[in-house]
């Protein structure tokens, strides 16, 4: 009786292993697709040379007083 139980456990473990390998392959594929998309977007941003400007609150208030419409641009 013990051999039968250990055989069933072994089969369940093998099925679980197959399932996990299949899922791992699927996730690896998704990761590759996302990485390719990320790299493509990164190249496009590099081409456009987009720079982010960070202002302090004081600088922001000063610019707002000089140019009232600048808040819509920031």
PDB file of N, CA and C in Angstrom:
ATOM      1  N   UNK A   1       0.820  -1.191   0.000  1.00  0.00           N
ATOM      2  CA  UNK A   1       0.000   0.000   0.000  1.00  0.00           C
ATOM      3  C   UNK A   1       0.867   1.259   0.000  1.00  0.00           C
ATOM      4  N   UNK A   2       1.967   1.213   0.687  1.00  0.00           N
ATOM      5  CA  UNK A   2       2.857   2.371   0.742  1.00  0.00           C
ATOM      6  C   UNK A   2       3.422   2.697  -0.634  1.00  0.00           C
ATOM      7  N   UNK A   3       3.765   1.701  -1.404  1.00  0.00           N
ATOM      8  CA  UNK A   3       4.321   1.930  -2.733  1.00  0.00           C
ATOM      9  C   UNK A   3       3.318   2.655  -3.619  1.00  0.00           C
ATOM     10  N   UNK A   4       2.070   2.311  -3.510  1.00  0.00           N
ATOM     11  CA  UNK A   4       1.026   2.940  -4.306  1.00  0.00           C
ATOM     12  C   UNK A   4       0.927   4.420  -3.956  1.00  0.00           C
ATOM     13  N   UNK A   5       0.957   4.738  -2.685  1.00  0.00           N
ATOM     14  CA  UNK A   5       0.873   6.139  -2.265  1.00  0.00           C
ATOM     15  C   UNK A   5       2.086   6.936  -2.736  1.00  0.00           C
ATOM     16  N   UNK A   6       3.264   6.354  -2.609  1.00  0.00           N
ATOM     17  CA  UNK A   6       4.469   7.071  -3.025  1.00  0.00           C
ATOM     18  C   UNK A   6       4.477   7.258  -4.547  1.00  0.00           C
ATOM     19  N   UNK A   7       3.914   6.286  -5.262  1.00  0.00           N
ATOM     20  CA  UNK A   7       3.812   6.407  -6.716  1.00  0.00           C
ATOM     21  C   UNK A   7       2.885   7.561  -7.094  1.00  0.00           C
ATOM     22  N   UNK A   8       1.764   7.664  -6.405  1.00  0.00           N
ATOM     23  CA  UNK A   8       0.817   8.745  -6.684  1.00  0.00           C
ATOM     24  C   UNK A   8       1.446  10.093  -6.345  1.00  0.00           C
ATOM     25  N   UNK A   9       2.156  10.164  -5.221  1.00  0.00           N
ATOM     26  CA  UNK A   9       2.826  11.402  -4.851  1.00  0.00           C
ATOM     27  C   UNK A   9       3.848  11.800  -5.911  1.00  0.00           C
ATOM     28  N   UNK A  10       4.571  10.812  -6.397  1.00  0.00           N
ATOM     29  CA  UNK A  10       5.577  11.055  -7.413  1.00  0.00           C
ATOM     30  C   UNK A  10       4.927  11.603  -8.684  1.00  0.00           C
ATOM     31  N   UNK A  11       3.801  11.019  -9.075  1.00  0.00           N
ATOM     32  CA  UNK A  11       3.092  11.472 -10.273  1.00  0.00           C
ATOM     33  C   UNK A  11       2.565  12.890 -10.091  1.00  0.00           C
ATOM     34  N   UNK A  12       2.031  13.170  -8.910  1.00  0.00           N
ATOM     35  CA  UNK A  12       1.541  14.528  -8.643  1.00  0.00           C
ATOM     36  C   UNK A  12       2.676  15.535  -8.697  1.00  0.00           C
ATOM     37  N   UNK A  13       3.812  15.170  -8.142  1.00  0.00           N
ATOM     38  CA  UNK A  13       4.955  16.064  -8.170  1.00  0.00           C
ATOM     39  C   UNK A  13       5.456  16.282  -9.597  1.00  0.00           C
ATOM     40  N   UNK A  14       5.458  15.227 -10.392  1.00  0.00           N
ATOM     41  CA  UNK A  14       5.883  15.367 -11.791  1.00  0.00           C
ATOM     42  C   UNK A  14       4.919  16.245 -12.580  1.00  0.00           C
ATOM     43  N   UNK A  15       3.627  16.104 -12.317  1.00  0.00           N
ATOM     44  CA  UNK A  15       2.637  16.955 -12.983  1.00  0.00           C
ATOM     45  C   UNK A  15       2.819  18.409 -12.576  1.00  0.00           C
ATOM     46  N   UNK A  16       3.048  18.617 -11.300  1.00  0.00           N
ATOM     47  CA  UNK A  16       3.260  19.978 -10.799  1.00  0.00           C
ATOM     48  C   UNK A  16       4.529  20.568 -11.420  1.00  0.00           C
ATOM     49  N   UNK A  17       5.565  19.767 -11.535  1.00  0.00           N
ATOM     50  CA  UNK A  17       6.810  20.211 -12.151  1.00  0.00           C
ATOM     51  C   UNK A  17       6.588  20.614 -13.605  1.00  0.00           C
ATOM     52  N   UNK A  18       5.842  19.797 -14.352  1.00  0.00           N
ATOM     53  CA  UNK A  18       5.529  20.125 -15.747  1.00  0.00           C
ATOM     54  C   UNK A  18       4.769  21.443 -15.823  1.00  0.00           C
ATOM     55  N   UNK A  19       3.786  21.588 -14.933  1.00  0.00           N
ATOM     56  CA  UNK A  19       2.973  22.805 -14.905  1.00  0.00           C
ATOM     57  C   UNK A  19       3.846  24.028 -14.611  1.00  0.00           C
ATOM     58  N   UNK A  20       4.730  23.904 -13.638  1.00  0.00           N
ATOM     59  CA  UNK A  20       5.587  25.027 -13.266  1.00  0.00           C
ATOM     60  C   UNK A  20       6.578  25.376 -14.377  1.00  0.00           C
ATOM     61  N   UNK A  21       7.102  24.365 -15.051  1.00  0.00           N
ATOM     62  CA  UNK A  21       8.005  24.635 -16.174  1.00  0.00           C
ATOM     63  C   UNK A  21       7.292  25.367 -17.299  1.00  0.00           C
ATOM     64  N   UNK A  22       6.056  24.946 -17.565  1.00  0.00           N
ATOM     65  CA  UNK A  22       5.257  25.584 -18.609  1.00  0.00           C
ATOM     66  C   UNK A  22       4.981  27.045 -18.242  1.00  0.00           C
ATOM     67  N   UNK A  23       4.612  27.264 -16.993  1.00  0.00           N
ATOM     68  CA  UNK A  23       4.334  28.625 -16.522  1.00  0.00           C
ATOM     69  C   UNK A  23       5.600  29.478 -16.555  1.00  0.00           C
ATOM     70  N   UNK A  24       6.727  28.892 -16.190  1.00  0.00           N
ATOM     71  CA  UNK A  24       7.998  29.596 -16.210  1.00  0.00           C
ATOM     72  C   UNK A  24       8.357  30.035 -17.625  1.00  0.00           C
ATOM     73  N   UNK A  25       8.136  29.147 -18.586  1.00  0.00           N
ATOM     74  CA  UNK A  25       8.411  29.463 -19.982  1.00  0.00           C
ATOM     75  C   UNK A  25       7.522  30.616 -20.452  1.00  0.00           C
ATOM     76  N   UNK A  26       6.255  30.594 -20.050  1.00  0.00           N
ATOM     77  CA  UNK A  26       5.307  31.644 -20.424  1.00  0.00           C
ATOM     78  C   UNK A  26       5.750  32.984 -19.839  1.00  0.00           C
ATOM     79  N   UNK A  27       6.143  32.986 -18.559  1.00  0.00           N
ATOM     80  CA  UNK A  27       6.575  34.214 -17.909  1.00  0.00           C
ATOM     81  C   UNK A  27       7.871  34.747 -18.520  1.00  0.00           C
ATOM     82  N   UNK A  28       8.770  33.854 -18.892  1.00  0.00           N
ATOM     83  CA  UNK A  28      10.014  34.280 -19.533  1.00  0.00           C
ATOM     84  C   UNK A  28       9.720  34.956 -20.871  1.00  0.00           C
ATOM     85  N   UNK A  29       8.764  34.412 -21.593  1.00  0.00           N
ATOM     86  CA  UNK A  29       8.367  34.993 -22.871  1.00  0.00           C
ATOM     87  C   UNK A  29       7.783  36.393 -22.665  1.00  0.00           C
ATOM     88  N   UNK A  30       6.917  36.535 -21.667  1.00  0.00           N
ATOM     89  CA  UNK A  30       6.330  37.842 -21.359  1.00  0.00           C
ATOM     90  C   UNK A  30       7.419  38.836 -20.969  1.00  0.00           C
ATOM     91  N   UNK A  31       8.385  38.369 -20.186  1.00  0.00           N
ATOM     92  CA  UNK A  31       9.474  39.232 -19.743  1.00  0.00           C
ATOM     93  C   UNK A  31      10.261  39.739 -20.946  1.00  0.00           C
ATOM     94  N   UNK A  32      10.537  38.848 -21.901  1.00  0.00           N
ATOM     95  CA  UNK A  32      11.278  39.237 -23.098  1.00  0.00           C
ATOM     96  C   UNK A  32      10.514  40.281 -23.909  1.00  0.00           C
ATOM     97  N   UNK A  33       9.202  40.096 -24.030  1.00  0.00           N
ATOM     98  CA  UNK A  33       8.384  41.056 -24.774  1.00  0.00           C
ATOM     99  C   UNK A  33       8.403  42.424 -24.094  1.00  0.00           C
ATOM    100  N   UNK A  34       8.263  42.427 -22.776  1.00  0.00           N
ATOM    101  CA  UNK A  34       8.251  43.686 -22.030  1.00  0.00           C
ATOM    102  C   UNK A  34       9.608  44.370 -22.127  1.00  0.00           C
ATOM    103  N   UNK A  35      10.672  43.605 -22.038  1.00  0.00           N
ATOM    104  CA  UNK A  35      12.022  44.178 -22.133  1.00  0.00           C
ATOM    105  C   UNK A  35      12.246  44.785 -23.506  1.00  0.00           C
ATOM    106  N   UNK A  36      11.785  44.118 -24.549  1.00  0.00           N
ATOM    107  CA  UNK A  36      11.932  44.644 -25.906  1.00  0.00           C
ATOM    108  C   UNK A  36      11.164  45.961 -26.049  1.00  0.00           C
ATOM    109  N   UNK A  37       9.962  46.002 -25.494  1.00  0.00           N
ATOM    110  CA  UNK A  37       9.156  47.221 -25.561  1.00  0.00           C
ATOM    111  C   UNK A  37       9.831  48.347 -24.777  1.00  0.00           C
ATOM    112  N   UNK A  38      10.379  48.003 -23.621  1.00  0.00           N
ATOM    113  CA  UNK A  38      11.081  48.989 -22.788  1.00  0.00           C
ATOM    114  C   UNK A  38      12.290  49.550 -23.528  1.00  0.00           C
ATOM    115  N   UNK A  39      13.075  48.674 -24.135  1.00  0.00           N
ATOM    116  CA  UNK A  39      14.261  49.112 -24.868  1.00  0.00           C
ATOM    117  C   UNK A  39      13.880  50.013 -26.044  1.00  0.00           C
ATOM    118  N   UNK A  40      12.807  49.653 -26.741  1.00  0.00           N
ATOM    119  CA  UNK A  40      12.354  50.456 -27.884  1.00  0.00           C
ATOM    120  C   UNK A  40      11.928  51.852 -27.415  1.00  0.00           C
ATOM    121  N   UNK A  41      11.178  51.908 -26.329  1.00  0.00           N
ATOM    122  CA  UNK A  41      10.726  53.191 -25.797  1.00  0.00           C
ATOM    123  C   UNK A  41      11.910  54.026 -25.311  1.00  0.00           C
ATOM    124  N   UNK A  42      12.859  53.368 -24.689  1.00  0.00           N
ATOM    125  CA  UNK A  42      14.046  54.069 -24.197  1.00  0.00           C
ATOM    126  C   UNK A  42      14.823  54.689 -25.357  1.00  0.00           C
ATOM    127  N   UNK A  43      14.946  53.941 -26.472  1.00  0.00           N
ATOM    128  CA  UNK A  43      15.628  54.472 -27.653  1.00  0.00           C
ATOM    129  C   UNK A  43      14.888  55.683 -28.214  1.00  0.00           C
ATOM    130  N   UNK A  44      13.559  55.597 -28.273  1.00  0.00           N
ATOM    131  CA  UNK A  44      12.764  56.705 -28.808  1.00  0.00           C
ATOM    132  C   UNK A  44      12.942  57.954 -27.953  1.00  0.00           C
ATOM    133  N   UNK A  45      12.935  57.786 -26.631  1.00  0.00           N
ATOM    134  CA  UNK A  45      13.124  58.937 -25.756  1.00  0.00           C
ATOM    135  C   UNK A  45      14.526  59.518 -25.908  1.00  0.00           C
ATOM    136  N   UNK A  46      15.498  58.649 -26.109  1.00  0.00           N
ATOM    137  CA  UNK A  46      16.863  59.117 -26.297  1.00  0.00           C
ATOM    138  C   UNK A  46      16.968  59.938 -27.582  1.00  0.00           C
ATOM    139  N   UNK A  47      16.264  59.492 -28.637  1.00  0.00           N
ATOM    140  CA  UNK A  47      16.269  60.214 -29.904  1.00  0.00           C
ATOM    141  C   UNK A  47      15.668  61.608 -29.733  1.00  0.00           C
ATOM    142  N   UNK A  48      14.608  61.680 -28.942  1.00  0.00           N
ATOM    143  CA  UNK A  48      13.924  62.959 -28.735  1.00  0.00           C
ATOM    144  C   UNK A  48      14.676  63.846 -27.753  1.00  0.00           C
ATOM    145  N   UNK A  49      15.603  63.252 -26.994  1.00  0.00           N
ATOM    146  CA  UNK A  49      16.396  63.974 -26.003  1.00  0.00           C
ATOM    147  C   UNK A  49      15.494  64.731 -25.025  1.00  0.00           C
ATOM    148  N   UNK A  50      14.569  64.004 -24.448  1.00  0.00           N
ATOM    149  CA  UNK A  50      13.635  64.587 -23.492  1.00  0.00           C
ATOM    150  C   UNK A  50      14.342  64.764 -22.155  1.00  0.00           C
ATOM    151  N   UNK A  51      14.254  65.956 -21.622  1.00  0.00           N
ATOM    152  CA  UNK A  51      14.861  66.229 -20.323  1.00  0.00           C
ATOM    153  C   UNK A  51      13.779  66.686 -19.353  1.00  0.00           C
ATOM    154  N   UNK A  52      13.885  66.225 -18.158  1.00  0.00           N
ATOM    155  CA  UNK A  52      12.906  66.595 -17.141  1.00  0.00           C
ATOM    156  C   UNK A  52      13.505  67.700 -16.286  1.00  0.00           C
ATOM    157  N   UNK A  53      12.733  68.726 -16.099  1.00  0.00           N
ATOM    158  CA  UNK A  53      13.187  69.854 -15.289  1.00  0.00           C
ATOM    159  C   UNK A  53      12.500  69.768 -13.938  1.00  0.00           C
ATOM    160  N   UNK A  54      13.295  69.853 -12.885  1.00  0.00           N
ATOM    161  CA  UNK A  54      12.746  69.818 -11.538  1.00  0.00           C
ATOM    162  C   UNK A  54      12.926  71.198 -10.916  1.00  0.00           C
ATOM    163  N   UNK A  55      11.831  71.735 -10.422  1.00  0.00           N
ATOM    164  CA  UNK A  55      11.868  73.051  -9.798  1.00  0.00           C
ATOM    165  C   UNK A  55      11.533  72.942  -8.323  1.00  0.00           C
ATOM    166  N   UNK A  56      12.134  73.811  -7.538  1.00  0.00           N
ATOM    167  CA  UNK A  56      11.747  73.886  -6.134  1.00  0.00           C
ATOM    168  C   UNK A  56      10.447  74.669  -6.059  1.00  0.00           C
ATOM    169  N   UNK A  57       9.803  74.633  -4.916  1.00  0.00           N
ATOM    170  CA  UNK A  57       8.554  75.388  -4.746  1.00  0.00           C
ATOM    171  C   UNK A  57       8.792  76.884  -4.919  1.00  0.00           C
ATOM    172  N   UNK A  58       9.903  77.349  -4.408  1.00  0.00           N
ATOM    173  CA  UNK A  58      10.226  78.774  -4.526  1.00  0.00           C
ATOM    174  C   UNK A  58      10.415  79.173  -5.989  1.00  0.00           C
ATOM    175  N   UNK A  59      11.126  78.369  -6.740  1.00  0.00           N
ATOM    176  CA  UNK A  59      11.332  78.652  -8.164  1.00  0.00           C
ATOM    177  C   UNK A  59      10.003  78.627  -8.915  1.00  0.00           C
ATOM    178  N   UNK A  60       9.169  77.672  -8.569  1.00  0.00           N
ATOM    179  CA  UNK A  60       7.868  77.552  -9.223  1.00  0.00           C
ATOM    180  C   UNK A  60       7.002  78.781  -8.963  1.00  0.00           C
ATOM    181  N   UNK A  61       6.993  79.248  -7.710  1.00  0.00           N
ATOM    182  CA  UNK A  61       6.202  80.451  -7.372  1.00  0.00           C
ATOM    183  C   UNK A  61       6.733  81.679  -8.110  1.00  0.00           C
ATOM    184  N   UNK A  62       8.056  81.791  -8.168  1.00  0.00           N
ATOM    185  CA  UNK A  62       8.665  82.924  -8.852  1.00  0.00           C
ATOM    186  C   UNK A  62       8.300  82.930 -10.337  1.00  0.00           C
ATOM    187  N   UNK A  63       8.424  81.780 -10.985  1.00  0.00           N
ATOM    188  CA  UNK A  63       8.062  81.697 -12.395  1.00  0.00           C
ATOM    189  C   UNK A  63       6.576  81.958 -12.609  1.00  0.00           C
ATOM    190  N   UNK A  64       5.752  81.505 -11.668  1.00  0.00           N
ATOM    191  CA  UNK A  64       4.308  81.727 -11.784  1.00  0.00           C
ATOM    192  C   UNK A  64       3.978  83.209 -11.680  1.00  0.00           C
ATOM    193  N   UNK A  65       4.726  83.907 -10.855  1.00  0.00           N
ATOM    194  CA  UNK A  65       4.455  85.349 -10.732  1.00  0.00           C
ATOM    195  C   UNK A  65       4.891  86.097 -11.987  1.00  0.00           C
ATOM    196  N   UNK A  66       5.966  85.639 -12.613  1.00  0.00           N
ATOM    197  CA  UNK A  66       6.437  86.293 -13.842  1.00  0.00           C
ATOM    198  C   UNK A  66       5.585  85.917 -15.050  1.00  0.00           C
ATOM    199  N   UNK A  67       5.248  84.642 -15.128  1.00  0.00           N
ATOM    200  CA  UNK A  67       4.494  84.115 -16.267  1.00  0.00           C
ATOM    201  C   UNK A  67       3.292  83.339 -15.743  1.00  0.00           C
ATOM    202  N   UNK A  68       2.130  83.949 -15.633  1.00  0.00           N
ATOM    203  CA  UNK A  68       0.952  83.270 -15.060  1.00  0.00           C
ATOM    204  C   UNK A  68       0.543  82.001 -15.807  1.00  0.00           C
ATOM    205  N   UNK A  69       0.844  81.917 -17.093  1.00  0.00           N
ATOM    206  CA  UNK A  69       0.430  80.740 -17.880  1.00  0.00           C
ATOM    207  C   UNK A  69       1.395  79.569 -17.754  1.00  0.00           C
ATOM    208  N   UNK A  70       2.490  79.753 -17.072  1.00  0.00           N
ATOM    209  CA  UNK A  70       3.504  78.694 -17.022  1.00  0.00           C
ATOM    210  C   UNK A  70       3.036  77.460 -16.247  1.00  0.00           C
ATOM    211  N   UNK A  71       2.096  77.618 -15.333  1.00  0.00           N
ATOM    212  CA  UNK A  71       1.612  76.473 -14.557  1.00  0.00           C
ATOM    213  C   UNK A  71       1.015  75.401 -15.455  1.00  0.00           C
ATOM    214  N   UNK A  72       0.419  75.801 -16.550  1.00  0.00           N
ATOM    215  CA  UNK A  72      -0.168  74.818 -17.461  1.00  0.00           C
ATOM    216  C   UNK A  72       0.914  74.041 -18.212  1.00  0.00           C
ATOM    217  N   UNK A  73       2.112  74.595 -18.305  1.00  0.00           N
ATOM    218  CA  UNK A  73       3.198  73.925 -19.006  1.00  0.00           C
ATOM    219  C   UNK A  73       3.966  72.977 -18.097  1.00  0.00           C
ATOM    220  N   UNK A  74       3.948  73.219 -16.814  1.00  0.00           N
ATOM    221  CA  UNK A  74       4.711  72.385 -15.880  1.00  0.00           C
ATOM    222  C   UNK A  74       3.953  71.231 -15.442  1.00  0.00           C
TER     223      UNK A  74
END
